[in-house]
Amino acid sequence: MRAMILKEFRELRRDPRTMAMLIVLPLLLLVIFGYAANFYVSSVKTAVVGPTATQVAQSLPGYFDVTDTYPDRTAADAKDLLRENEVDVAVVAPAGPGEQATAFVDGSNMFAAQSSVGVLNKFGDRIHVEVLFNPDLKTSWVMVPAIIGLILTFIGTIITSIGLVREREAGTLEQLAVMPIRPSQVILGKIVPYFLLAAVDLIIVTVLGMLLFDVPFNGNVLIFALGSALFLFVVLGLGVFISTVSQTTGQAIQTAFMLLMPQILLSGMIFPLEAMAAGVRWIGYLLPLTYFTMISQGVMLRDAPISSLWLPLVVLAVMAVVVFTGATLRFRRDLAPNAPKVHNAASEAGAE
């Protein structure tokens, strides 16, 4: 019995992935739920437009972080500020004292919207509140665009991560070393079939989300397709990269699972990024699902123009390049020790 116990501890010590699952993951969950599990947004970015914008901005409570005042702009401009995600609340100041102001609230940012509506309702008849892009503050309207990305992350990372691992387990990885194929071509060959299948899944999940939950699609399909393509390339590349650092299918699945957990909890899908502690929030800005959620919610709910989505698009493009380069370099390093051995064996056979 004692020998068996010692044997199990030795095997655990030699398996860093299992140790990480046992030690690092619980600590990660503790930190996340301790610092990130918060649905209340303490302040929202606000703009005030209209003739008396300066006076109205000064009268708003501290909850509204007034970033800009535009005395020469109109209600249409206020709606554009929300559509382009520049602010969460846009207040249209009245022309004169005693008149009613109007506050437009971005309903696609549901957590901030719920808090904002609660604070604005305390003004009574002085401010008319109108929620845009999600008038009834339906959870499904906000969650479905994010869940589309989550499903693609799960499929792309898990399925693709076992791709090269199967080659290694089957003993065919050495054959790739002597074939006249560049590592980048091998990586692309692994990604493209899954990319096409994941694209079909994307269409199916998006259409079903619209039909089952009445989620609108107000924006440009091409912008959504561009963002989805970049996002798919990133998650599929992550899957291939995981497979290059894993020796077995079990190791690949373990690593993929550890990357999936932060995506679920820290991408803003469940807990708003604005409500997270600064020390945890920055992790969310390193995750591809965070930026796909910005794109999908922006296109589907707000009809956001590409000019307002350039940042998440550029970040996903950079991530795609970094992930693809990392997977290629890692795969080349895996093949490098094997290529000379195969070449020497072939030379000896020719000599005989």
Protein backbone atom coordinates (compact mmCIF):
# COMPACT_ATOMS: atom_id res chain seq x y z
CA MET A 1 0.00 0.00 0.00
CA ARG A 2 2.76 2.44 0.93
CA ALA A 3 4.61 1.68 -2.30
CA MET A 4 1.48 2.34 -4.34
CA ILE A 5 0.91 5.69 -2.62
CA LEU A 6 4.51 6.76 -3.23
CA LYS A 7 4.24 5.62 -6.84
CA GLU A 8 1.14 7.77 -7.41
CA PHE A 9 2.83 10.83 -5.89
CA ARG A 10 5.87 10.30 -8.13
CA GLU A 11 3.66 10.06 -11.20
CA LEU A 12 1.80 13.23 -10.21
CA ARG A 13 5.12 15.05 -9.77
CA ARG A 14 6.13 14.06 -13.30
CA ASP A 15 2.86 15.33 -14.78
CA PRO A 16 2.84 19.14 -14.53
CA ARG A 17 -0.52 19.45 -16.30
CA THR A 18 -2.31 17.32 -13.70
CA MET A 19 -0.59 19.23 -10.91
CA ALA A 20 -1.76 22.47 -12.49
CA MET A 21 -5.32 21.13 -12.62
CA LEU A 22 -5.12 20.20 -8.93
CA ILE A 23 -3.39 23.33 -7.62
CA VAL A 24 -3.42 26.21 -10.10
CA LEU A 25 -7.01 25.83 -11.34
CA PRO A 26 -8.62 25.96 -7.85
CA LEU A 27 -6.52 29.03 -7.01
CA LEU A 28 -7.50 30.61 -10.32
CA LEU A 29 -11.18 29.98 -9.65
CA LEU A 30 -10.86 31.41 -6.14
CA VAL A 31 -9.26 34.61 -7.45
CA ILE A 32 -11.76 34.94 -10.30
CA PHE A 33 -14.85 34.47 -8.18
CA GLY A 34 -13.40 36.60 -5.41
CA TYR A 35 -12.49 39.59 -7.56
CA ALA A 36 -14.52 39.19 -10.77
CA ALA A 37 -17.87 37.79 -9.60
CA ASN A 38 -19.62 41.12 -9.45
CA PHE A 39 -22.65 42.16 -11.49
CA TYR A 40 -22.88 45.74 -10.26
CA VAL A 41 -21.17 48.43 -12.32
CA SER A 42 -20.05 51.29 -10.09
CA SER A 43 -19.85 53.92 -12.85
CA VAL A 44 -20.74 54.30 -16.52
CA LYS A 45 -19.27 56.42 -19.30
CA THR A 46 -21.69 59.20 -20.07
CA ALA A 47 -22.01 61.97 -22.63
CA VAL A 48 -24.37 64.93 -22.44
CA VAL A 49 -25.63 66.73 -25.54
CA GLY A 50 -27.94 69.68 -26.03
CA PRO A 51 -28.08 73.42 -25.30
CA THR A 52 -27.79 73.06 -21.51
CA ALA A 53 -25.35 70.13 -21.62
CA THR A 54 -22.84 71.72 -19.24
CA GLN A 55 -25.43 72.47 -16.54
CA VAL A 56 -27.01 69.00 -16.80
CA ALA A 57 -23.61 67.30 -16.65
CA GLN A 58 -22.83 69.12 -13.41
CA SER A 59 -26.13 68.02 -11.86
CA LEU A 60 -25.64 64.31 -12.56
CA PRO A 61 -24.51 62.11 -9.65
CA GLY A 62 -20.99 60.65 -9.55
CA TYR A 63 -22.24 57.33 -10.88
CA PHE A 64 -22.31 58.91 -14.33
CA ASP A 65 -18.74 59.44 -15.48
CA VAL A 66 -19.31 62.33 -17.89
CA THR A 67 -16.51 62.12 -20.43
CA ASP A 68 -17.83 64.66 -22.94
CA THR A 69 -20.39 67.44 -23.25
CA TYR A 70 -21.65 68.57 -26.66
CA PRO A 71 -23.90 71.65 -26.49
CA ASP A 72 -24.19 71.75 -30.29
CA ARG A 73 -25.27 68.12 -30.82
CA THR A 74 -28.73 66.57 -31.04
CA ALA A 75 -30.58 63.42 -29.95
CA ALA A 76 -29.55 61.67 -33.18
CA ASP A 77 -25.91 62.32 -32.32
CA ALA A 78 -26.51 60.89 -28.83
CA LYS A 79 -27.82 57.66 -30.34
CA ASP A 80 -24.77 57.47 -32.61
CA LEU A 81 -22.49 57.76 -29.58
CA LEU A 82 -24.18 54.68 -28.12
CA ARG A 83 -24.17 52.80 -31.43
CA GLU A 84 -20.43 53.34 -31.79
CA ASN A 85 -19.90 52.24 -28.15
CA GLU A 86 -18.25 55.49 -27.15
CA VAL A 87 -20.43 55.80 -24.03
CA ASP A 88 -22.94 53.71 -22.10
CA VAL A 89 -25.40 56.54 -21.43
CA ALA A 90 -26.14 59.62 -23.51
CA VAL A 91 -28.24 62.37 -21.93
CA VAL A 92 -30.05 64.87 -24.14
CA ALA A 93 -30.24 68.12 -22.18
CA PRO A 94 -33.40 70.25 -22.55
CA ALA A 95 -33.44 73.60 -24.29
CA GLY A 96 -34.40 75.47 -21.13
CA PRO A 97 -35.00 75.08 -17.40
CA GLY A 98 -38.03 73.10 -16.30
CA GLU A 99 -38.11 70.98 -19.46
CA GLN A 100 -37.63 67.22 -19.39
CA ALA A 101 -34.29 65.68 -20.32
CA THR A 102 -33.95 62.36 -22.12
CA ALA A 103 -31.42 59.66 -21.26
CA PHE A 104 -30.55 57.03 -23.86
CA VAL A 105 -29.11 53.84 -22.36
CA ASP A 106 -27.15 51.19 -24.27
CA GLY A 107 -29.12 47.98 -23.64
CA SER A 108 -26.46 45.81 -25.31
CA ASN A 109 -24.31 46.38 -22.22
CA MET A 110 -26.97 44.86 -20.02
CA PHE A 111 -25.32 45.03 -16.61
CA ALA A 112 -24.42 48.70 -16.98
CA ALA A 113 -27.87 49.37 -18.43
CA GLN A 114 -29.68 47.78 -15.49
CA SER A 115 -27.67 49.83 -13.00
CA SER A 116 -28.08 53.02 -15.03
CA VAL A 117 -31.84 52.65 -15.36
CA GLY A 118 -32.12 52.13 -11.61
CA VAL A 119 -30.19 55.33 -10.90
CA LEU A 120 -32.01 57.36 -13.59
CA ASN A 121 -35.42 56.31 -12.31
CA LYS A 122 -34.66 58.15 -9.08
CA PHE A 123 -34.90 61.44 -11.00
CA GLY A 124 -38.60 60.83 -11.53
CA ASP A 125 -40.23 62.93 -14.25
CA ARG A 126 -37.19 65.15 -14.74
CA ILE A 127 -35.53 62.57 -17.03
CA HIS A 128 -37.22 60.32 -19.56
CA VAL A 129 -35.31 57.03 -19.86
CA GLU A 130 -35.15 55.16 -23.16
CA VAL A 131 -33.20 51.89 -23.54
CA LEU A 132 -31.79 51.30 -27.03
CA PHE A 133 -30.68 48.10 -28.80
CA ASN A 134 -32.27 45.88 -26.12
CA PRO A 135 -35.39 47.73 -24.95
CA ASP A 136 -36.63 44.98 -22.64
CA LEU A 137 -33.14 44.23 -21.29
CA LYS A 138 -33.48 40.58 -22.29
CA THR A 139 -30.60 38.45 -21.06
CA SER A 140 -30.79 36.23 -24.14
CA TRP A 141 -30.14 39.15 -26.48
CA VAL A 142 -26.84 39.83 -24.74
CA MET A 143 -25.84 36.24 -24.01
CA VAL A 144 -26.50 34.63 -27.41
CA PRO A 145 -23.86 36.68 -29.33
CA ALA A 146 -21.34 35.78 -26.62
CA ILE A 147 -22.40 32.12 -26.49
CA ILE A 148 -21.81 31.87 -30.24
CA GLY A 149 -18.18 32.70 -29.58
CA LEU A 150 -18.03 30.36 -26.58
CA ILE A 151 -19.31 27.42 -28.64
CA LEU A 152 -16.77 28.13 -31.37
CA THR A 153 -14.02 28.43 -28.76
CA PHE A 154 -14.96 25.09 -27.26
CA ILE A 155 -15.20 23.31 -30.62
CA GLY A 156 -12.14 24.96 -32.16
CA THR A 157 -9.80 24.57 -29.21
CA ILE A 158 -10.75 21.06 -28.06
CA ILE A 159 -11.17 19.41 -31.46
CA THR A 160 -8.15 21.00 -33.08
CA SER A 161 -5.89 20.44 -30.07
CA ILE A 162 -5.92 16.68 -30.64
CA GLY A 163 -4.98 17.01 -34.33
CA LEU A 164 -1.17 16.77 -34.24
CA VAL A 165 -1.33 14.69 -31.07
CA ARG A 166 -3.03 11.94 -33.06
CA GLU A 167 -0.20 12.15 -35.60
CA ARG A 168 2.33 11.75 -32.82
CA GLU A 169 0.48 8.88 -31.16
CA ALA A 170 0.01 7.11 -34.50
CA GLY A 171 3.73 7.48 -35.28
CA THR A 172 3.13 9.44 -38.49
CA LEU A 173 4.70 12.69 -37.25
CA GLU A 174 8.14 11.46 -38.36
CA GLN A 175 6.83 11.02 -41.90
CA LEU A 176 5.90 14.70 -42.00
CA ALA A 177 9.54 15.53 -41.18
CA VAL A 178 10.85 14.12 -44.46
CA MET A 179 8.00 15.29 -46.68
CA PRO A 180 8.61 18.41 -48.84
CA ILE A 181 6.08 20.39 -46.83
CA ARG A 182 6.80 23.50 -44.79
CA PRO A 183 5.67 23.57 -41.15
CA SER A 184 3.41 26.53 -41.93
CA GLN A 185 1.72 24.47 -44.66
CA VAL A 186 1.17 21.61 -42.22
CA ILE A 187 -0.39 23.99 -39.70
CA LEU A 188 -2.66 25.47 -42.36
CA GLY A 189 -3.56 21.98 -43.51
CA LYS A 190 -4.63 21.17 -39.98
CA ILE A 191 -6.59 24.38 -39.51
CA VAL A 192 -8.47 24.73 -42.83
CA PRO A 193 -10.77 21.64 -42.53
CA TYR A 194 -11.74 22.58 -38.97
CA PHE A 195 -12.14 26.20 -40.06
CA LEU A 196 -14.69 25.23 -42.69
CA LEU A 197 -16.59 22.96 -40.28
CA ALA A 198 -16.53 25.63 -37.55
CA ALA A 199 -17.84 28.19 -40.06
CA VAL A 200 -20.83 25.92 -40.69
CA ASP A 201 -21.34 25.64 -36.92
CA LEU A 202 -21.17 29.45 -36.71
CA ILE A 203 -23.98 29.85 -39.24
CA ILE A 204 -26.13 27.19 -37.59
CA VAL A 205 -25.69 28.55 -34.05
CA THR A 206 -26.29 32.15 -35.15
CA VAL A 207 -29.47 31.31 -37.06
CA LEU A 208 -30.79 29.13 -34.23
CA GLY A 209 -30.07 31.88 -31.71
CA MET A 210 -32.06 34.33 -33.80
CA LEU A 211 -34.97 31.92 -34.30
CA LEU A 212 -35.21 30.46 -30.80
CA PHE A 213 -34.52 33.59 -28.75
CA ASP A 214 -35.66 36.34 -31.16
CA VAL A 215 -32.20 37.90 -31.10
CA PRO A 216 -32.00 40.54 -33.84
CA PHE A 217 -29.28 40.86 -36.45
CA ASN A 218 -29.23 44.58 -37.15
CA GLY A 219 -25.74 45.02 -38.55
CA ASN A 220 -23.56 44.26 -41.54
CA VAL A 221 -23.11 40.56 -42.30
CA LEU A 222 -19.69 41.14 -43.86
CA ILE A 223 -18.33 42.81 -40.71
CA PHE A 224 -19.65 39.91 -38.64
CA ALA A 225 -18.08 37.42 -41.08
CA LEU A 226 -14.72 39.20 -40.94
CA GLY A 227 -14.67 39.22 -37.14
CA SER A 228 -15.79 35.58 -37.02
CA ALA A 229 -13.09 34.51 -39.49
CA LEU A 230 -10.34 36.21 -37.47
CA PHE A 231 -11.70 34.75 -34.24
CA LEU A 232 -11.92 31.24 -35.70
CA PHE A 233 -8.35 31.48 -36.96
CA VAL A 234 -7.20 32.43 -33.45
CA VAL A 235 -9.01 29.64 -31.56
CA LEU A 236 -8.10 27.00 -34.14
CA GLY A 237 -4.49 28.16 -34.04
CA LEU A 238 -4.57 27.89 -30.25
CA GLY A 239 -5.79 24.32 -30.62
CA VAL A 240 -2.91 23.45 -32.95
CA PHE A 241 -0.44 25.17 -30.64
CA ILE A 242 -1.74 23.12 -27.72
CA SER A 243 -1.27 19.96 -29.77
CA THR A 244 2.36 20.87 -30.44
CA VAL A 245 3.13 21.11 -26.71
CA SER A 246 1.24 17.94 -25.77
CA GLN A 247 2.39 14.34 -26.08
CA THR A 248 -0.95 12.63 -25.56
CA THR A 249 -4.61 13.35 -26.22
CA GLY A 250 -5.26 13.57 -22.49
CA GLN A 251 -2.60 16.27 -22.07
CA ALA A 252 -4.05 18.25 -24.99
CA ILE A 253 -7.56 18.15 -23.52
CA GLN A 254 -6.28 19.17 -20.09
CA THR A 255 -4.41 22.16 -21.49
CA ALA A 256 -7.36 23.19 -23.65
CA PHE A 257 -9.68 23.02 -20.64
CA MET A 258 -7.38 25.26 -18.62
CA LEU A 259 -7.49 27.84 -21.41
CA LEU A 260 -11.26 27.58 -21.73
CA MET A 261 -12.07 28.40 -18.10
CA PRO A 262 -10.71 31.99 -18.18
CA GLN A 263 -12.48 32.54 -21.52
CA ILE A 264 -15.80 31.66 -19.91
CA LEU A 265 -15.35 33.65 -16.73
CA LEU A 266 -13.23 36.66 -17.71
CA SER A 267 -14.35 37.58 -21.23
CA GLY A 268 -17.26 39.70 -19.99
CA MET A 269 -19.81 37.11 -21.02
CA ILE A 270 -20.94 36.33 -17.45
CA PHE A 271 -19.42 39.10 -15.36
CA PRO A 272 -19.04 42.64 -16.79
CA LEU A 273 -15.44 43.68 -17.32
CA GLU A 274 -16.21 47.11 -15.85
CA ALA A 275 -17.13 45.52 -12.52
CA MET A 276 -13.94 43.46 -12.21
CA ALA A 277 -10.96 44.49 -10.14
CA ALA A 278 -8.19 46.03 -12.25
CA GLY A 279 -5.80 43.21 -11.36
CA VAL A 280 -8.16 40.66 -12.90
CA ARG A 281 -9.66 42.73 -15.68
CA TRP A 282 -6.44 42.85 -17.70
CA ILE A 283 -6.61 39.05 -18.12
CA GLY A 284 -9.93 39.49 -19.89
CA TYR A 285 -8.32 41.84 -22.39
CA LEU A 286 -5.86 39.08 -23.34
CA LEU A 287 -8.61 36.65 -24.33
CA PRO A 288 -9.90 36.38 -27.92
CA LEU A 289 -13.48 35.70 -26.78
CA THR A 290 -13.57 39.18 -25.22
CA TYR A 291 -13.05 40.82 -28.60
CA PHE A 292 -15.38 38.51 -30.51
CA THR A 293 -18.11 39.35 -28.00
CA MET A 294 -17.53 43.06 -28.65
CA ILE A 295 -17.88 42.45 -32.39
CA SER A 296 -20.88 40.11 -32.25
CA GLN A 297 -22.87 42.26 -29.82
CA GLY A 298 -21.92 45.41 -31.70
CA VAL A 299 -23.00 44.06 -35.09
CA MET A 300 -26.06 42.05 -34.05
CA LEU A 301 -27.58 44.45 -31.53
CA ARG A 302 -26.29 47.96 -32.25
CA ASP A 303 -25.61 47.87 -36.01
CA ALA A 304 -22.16 49.20 -35.14
CA PRO A 305 -20.09 50.46 -38.09
CA ILE A 306 -16.67 48.99 -38.78
CA SER A 307 -15.09 52.29 -37.71
CA SER A 308 -16.20 51.61 -34.14
CA LEU A 309 -15.04 47.96 -34.22
CA TRP A 310 -11.56 48.45 -35.62
CA LEU A 311 -9.86 47.85 -32.27
CA PRO A 312 -11.25 44.32 -31.60
CA LEU A 313 -10.72 43.44 -35.28
CA VAL A 314 -7.08 44.54 -35.17
CA VAL A 315 -6.47 42.76 -31.85
CA LEU A 316 -7.88 39.50 -33.25
CA ALA A 317 -5.75 39.89 -36.38
CA VAL A 318 -2.62 40.36 -34.25
CA MET A 319 -3.56 37.38 -32.09
CA ALA A 320 -4.03 35.26 -35.22
CA VAL A 321 -0.56 36.15 -36.49
CA VAL A 322 1.07 35.53 -33.09
CA VAL A 323 -0.69 32.19 -32.54
CA PHE A 324 0.02 30.96 -36.07
CA THR A 325 3.70 31.98 -35.80
CA GLY A 326 4.04 30.32 -32.38
CA ALA A 327 2.44 27.09 -33.58
CA THR A 328 4.67 27.04 -36.67
CA LEU A 329 7.88 27.63 -34.72
CA ARG A 330 6.94 25.06 -32.11
CA PHE A 331 6.04 22.49 -34.76
CA ARG A 332 9.34 23.13 -36.58
CA ARG A 333 11.21 22.55 -33.32
CA ASP A 334 9.35 19.27 -32.81
CA LEU A 335 10.33 18.08 -36.27
CA ALA A 336 13.96 19.22 -36.11
CA PRO A 337 15.28 16.39 -33.88
CA ASN A 338 13.48 13.77 -35.95
CA ALA A 339 14.55 14.84 -39.43
CA PRO A 340 18.26 13.94 -39.10
CA LYS A 341 17.42 10.52 -37.66
CA VAL A 342 15.18 9.67 -40.59
CA HIS A 343 17.75 10.98 -43.07
CA ASN A 344 20.56 8.92 -41.51
CA ALA A 345 18.44 5.81 -41.56
CA ALA A 346 17.71 6.35 -45.24
CA SER A 347 21.43 6.89 -46.00
CA GLU A 348 22.43 3.69 -44.21
CA ALA A 349 19.81 1.75 -46.13
CA GLY A 350 21.19 3.13 -49.43
CA ALA A 351 24.74 2.23 -48.47
CA GLU A 352 23.76 -1.37 -47.85
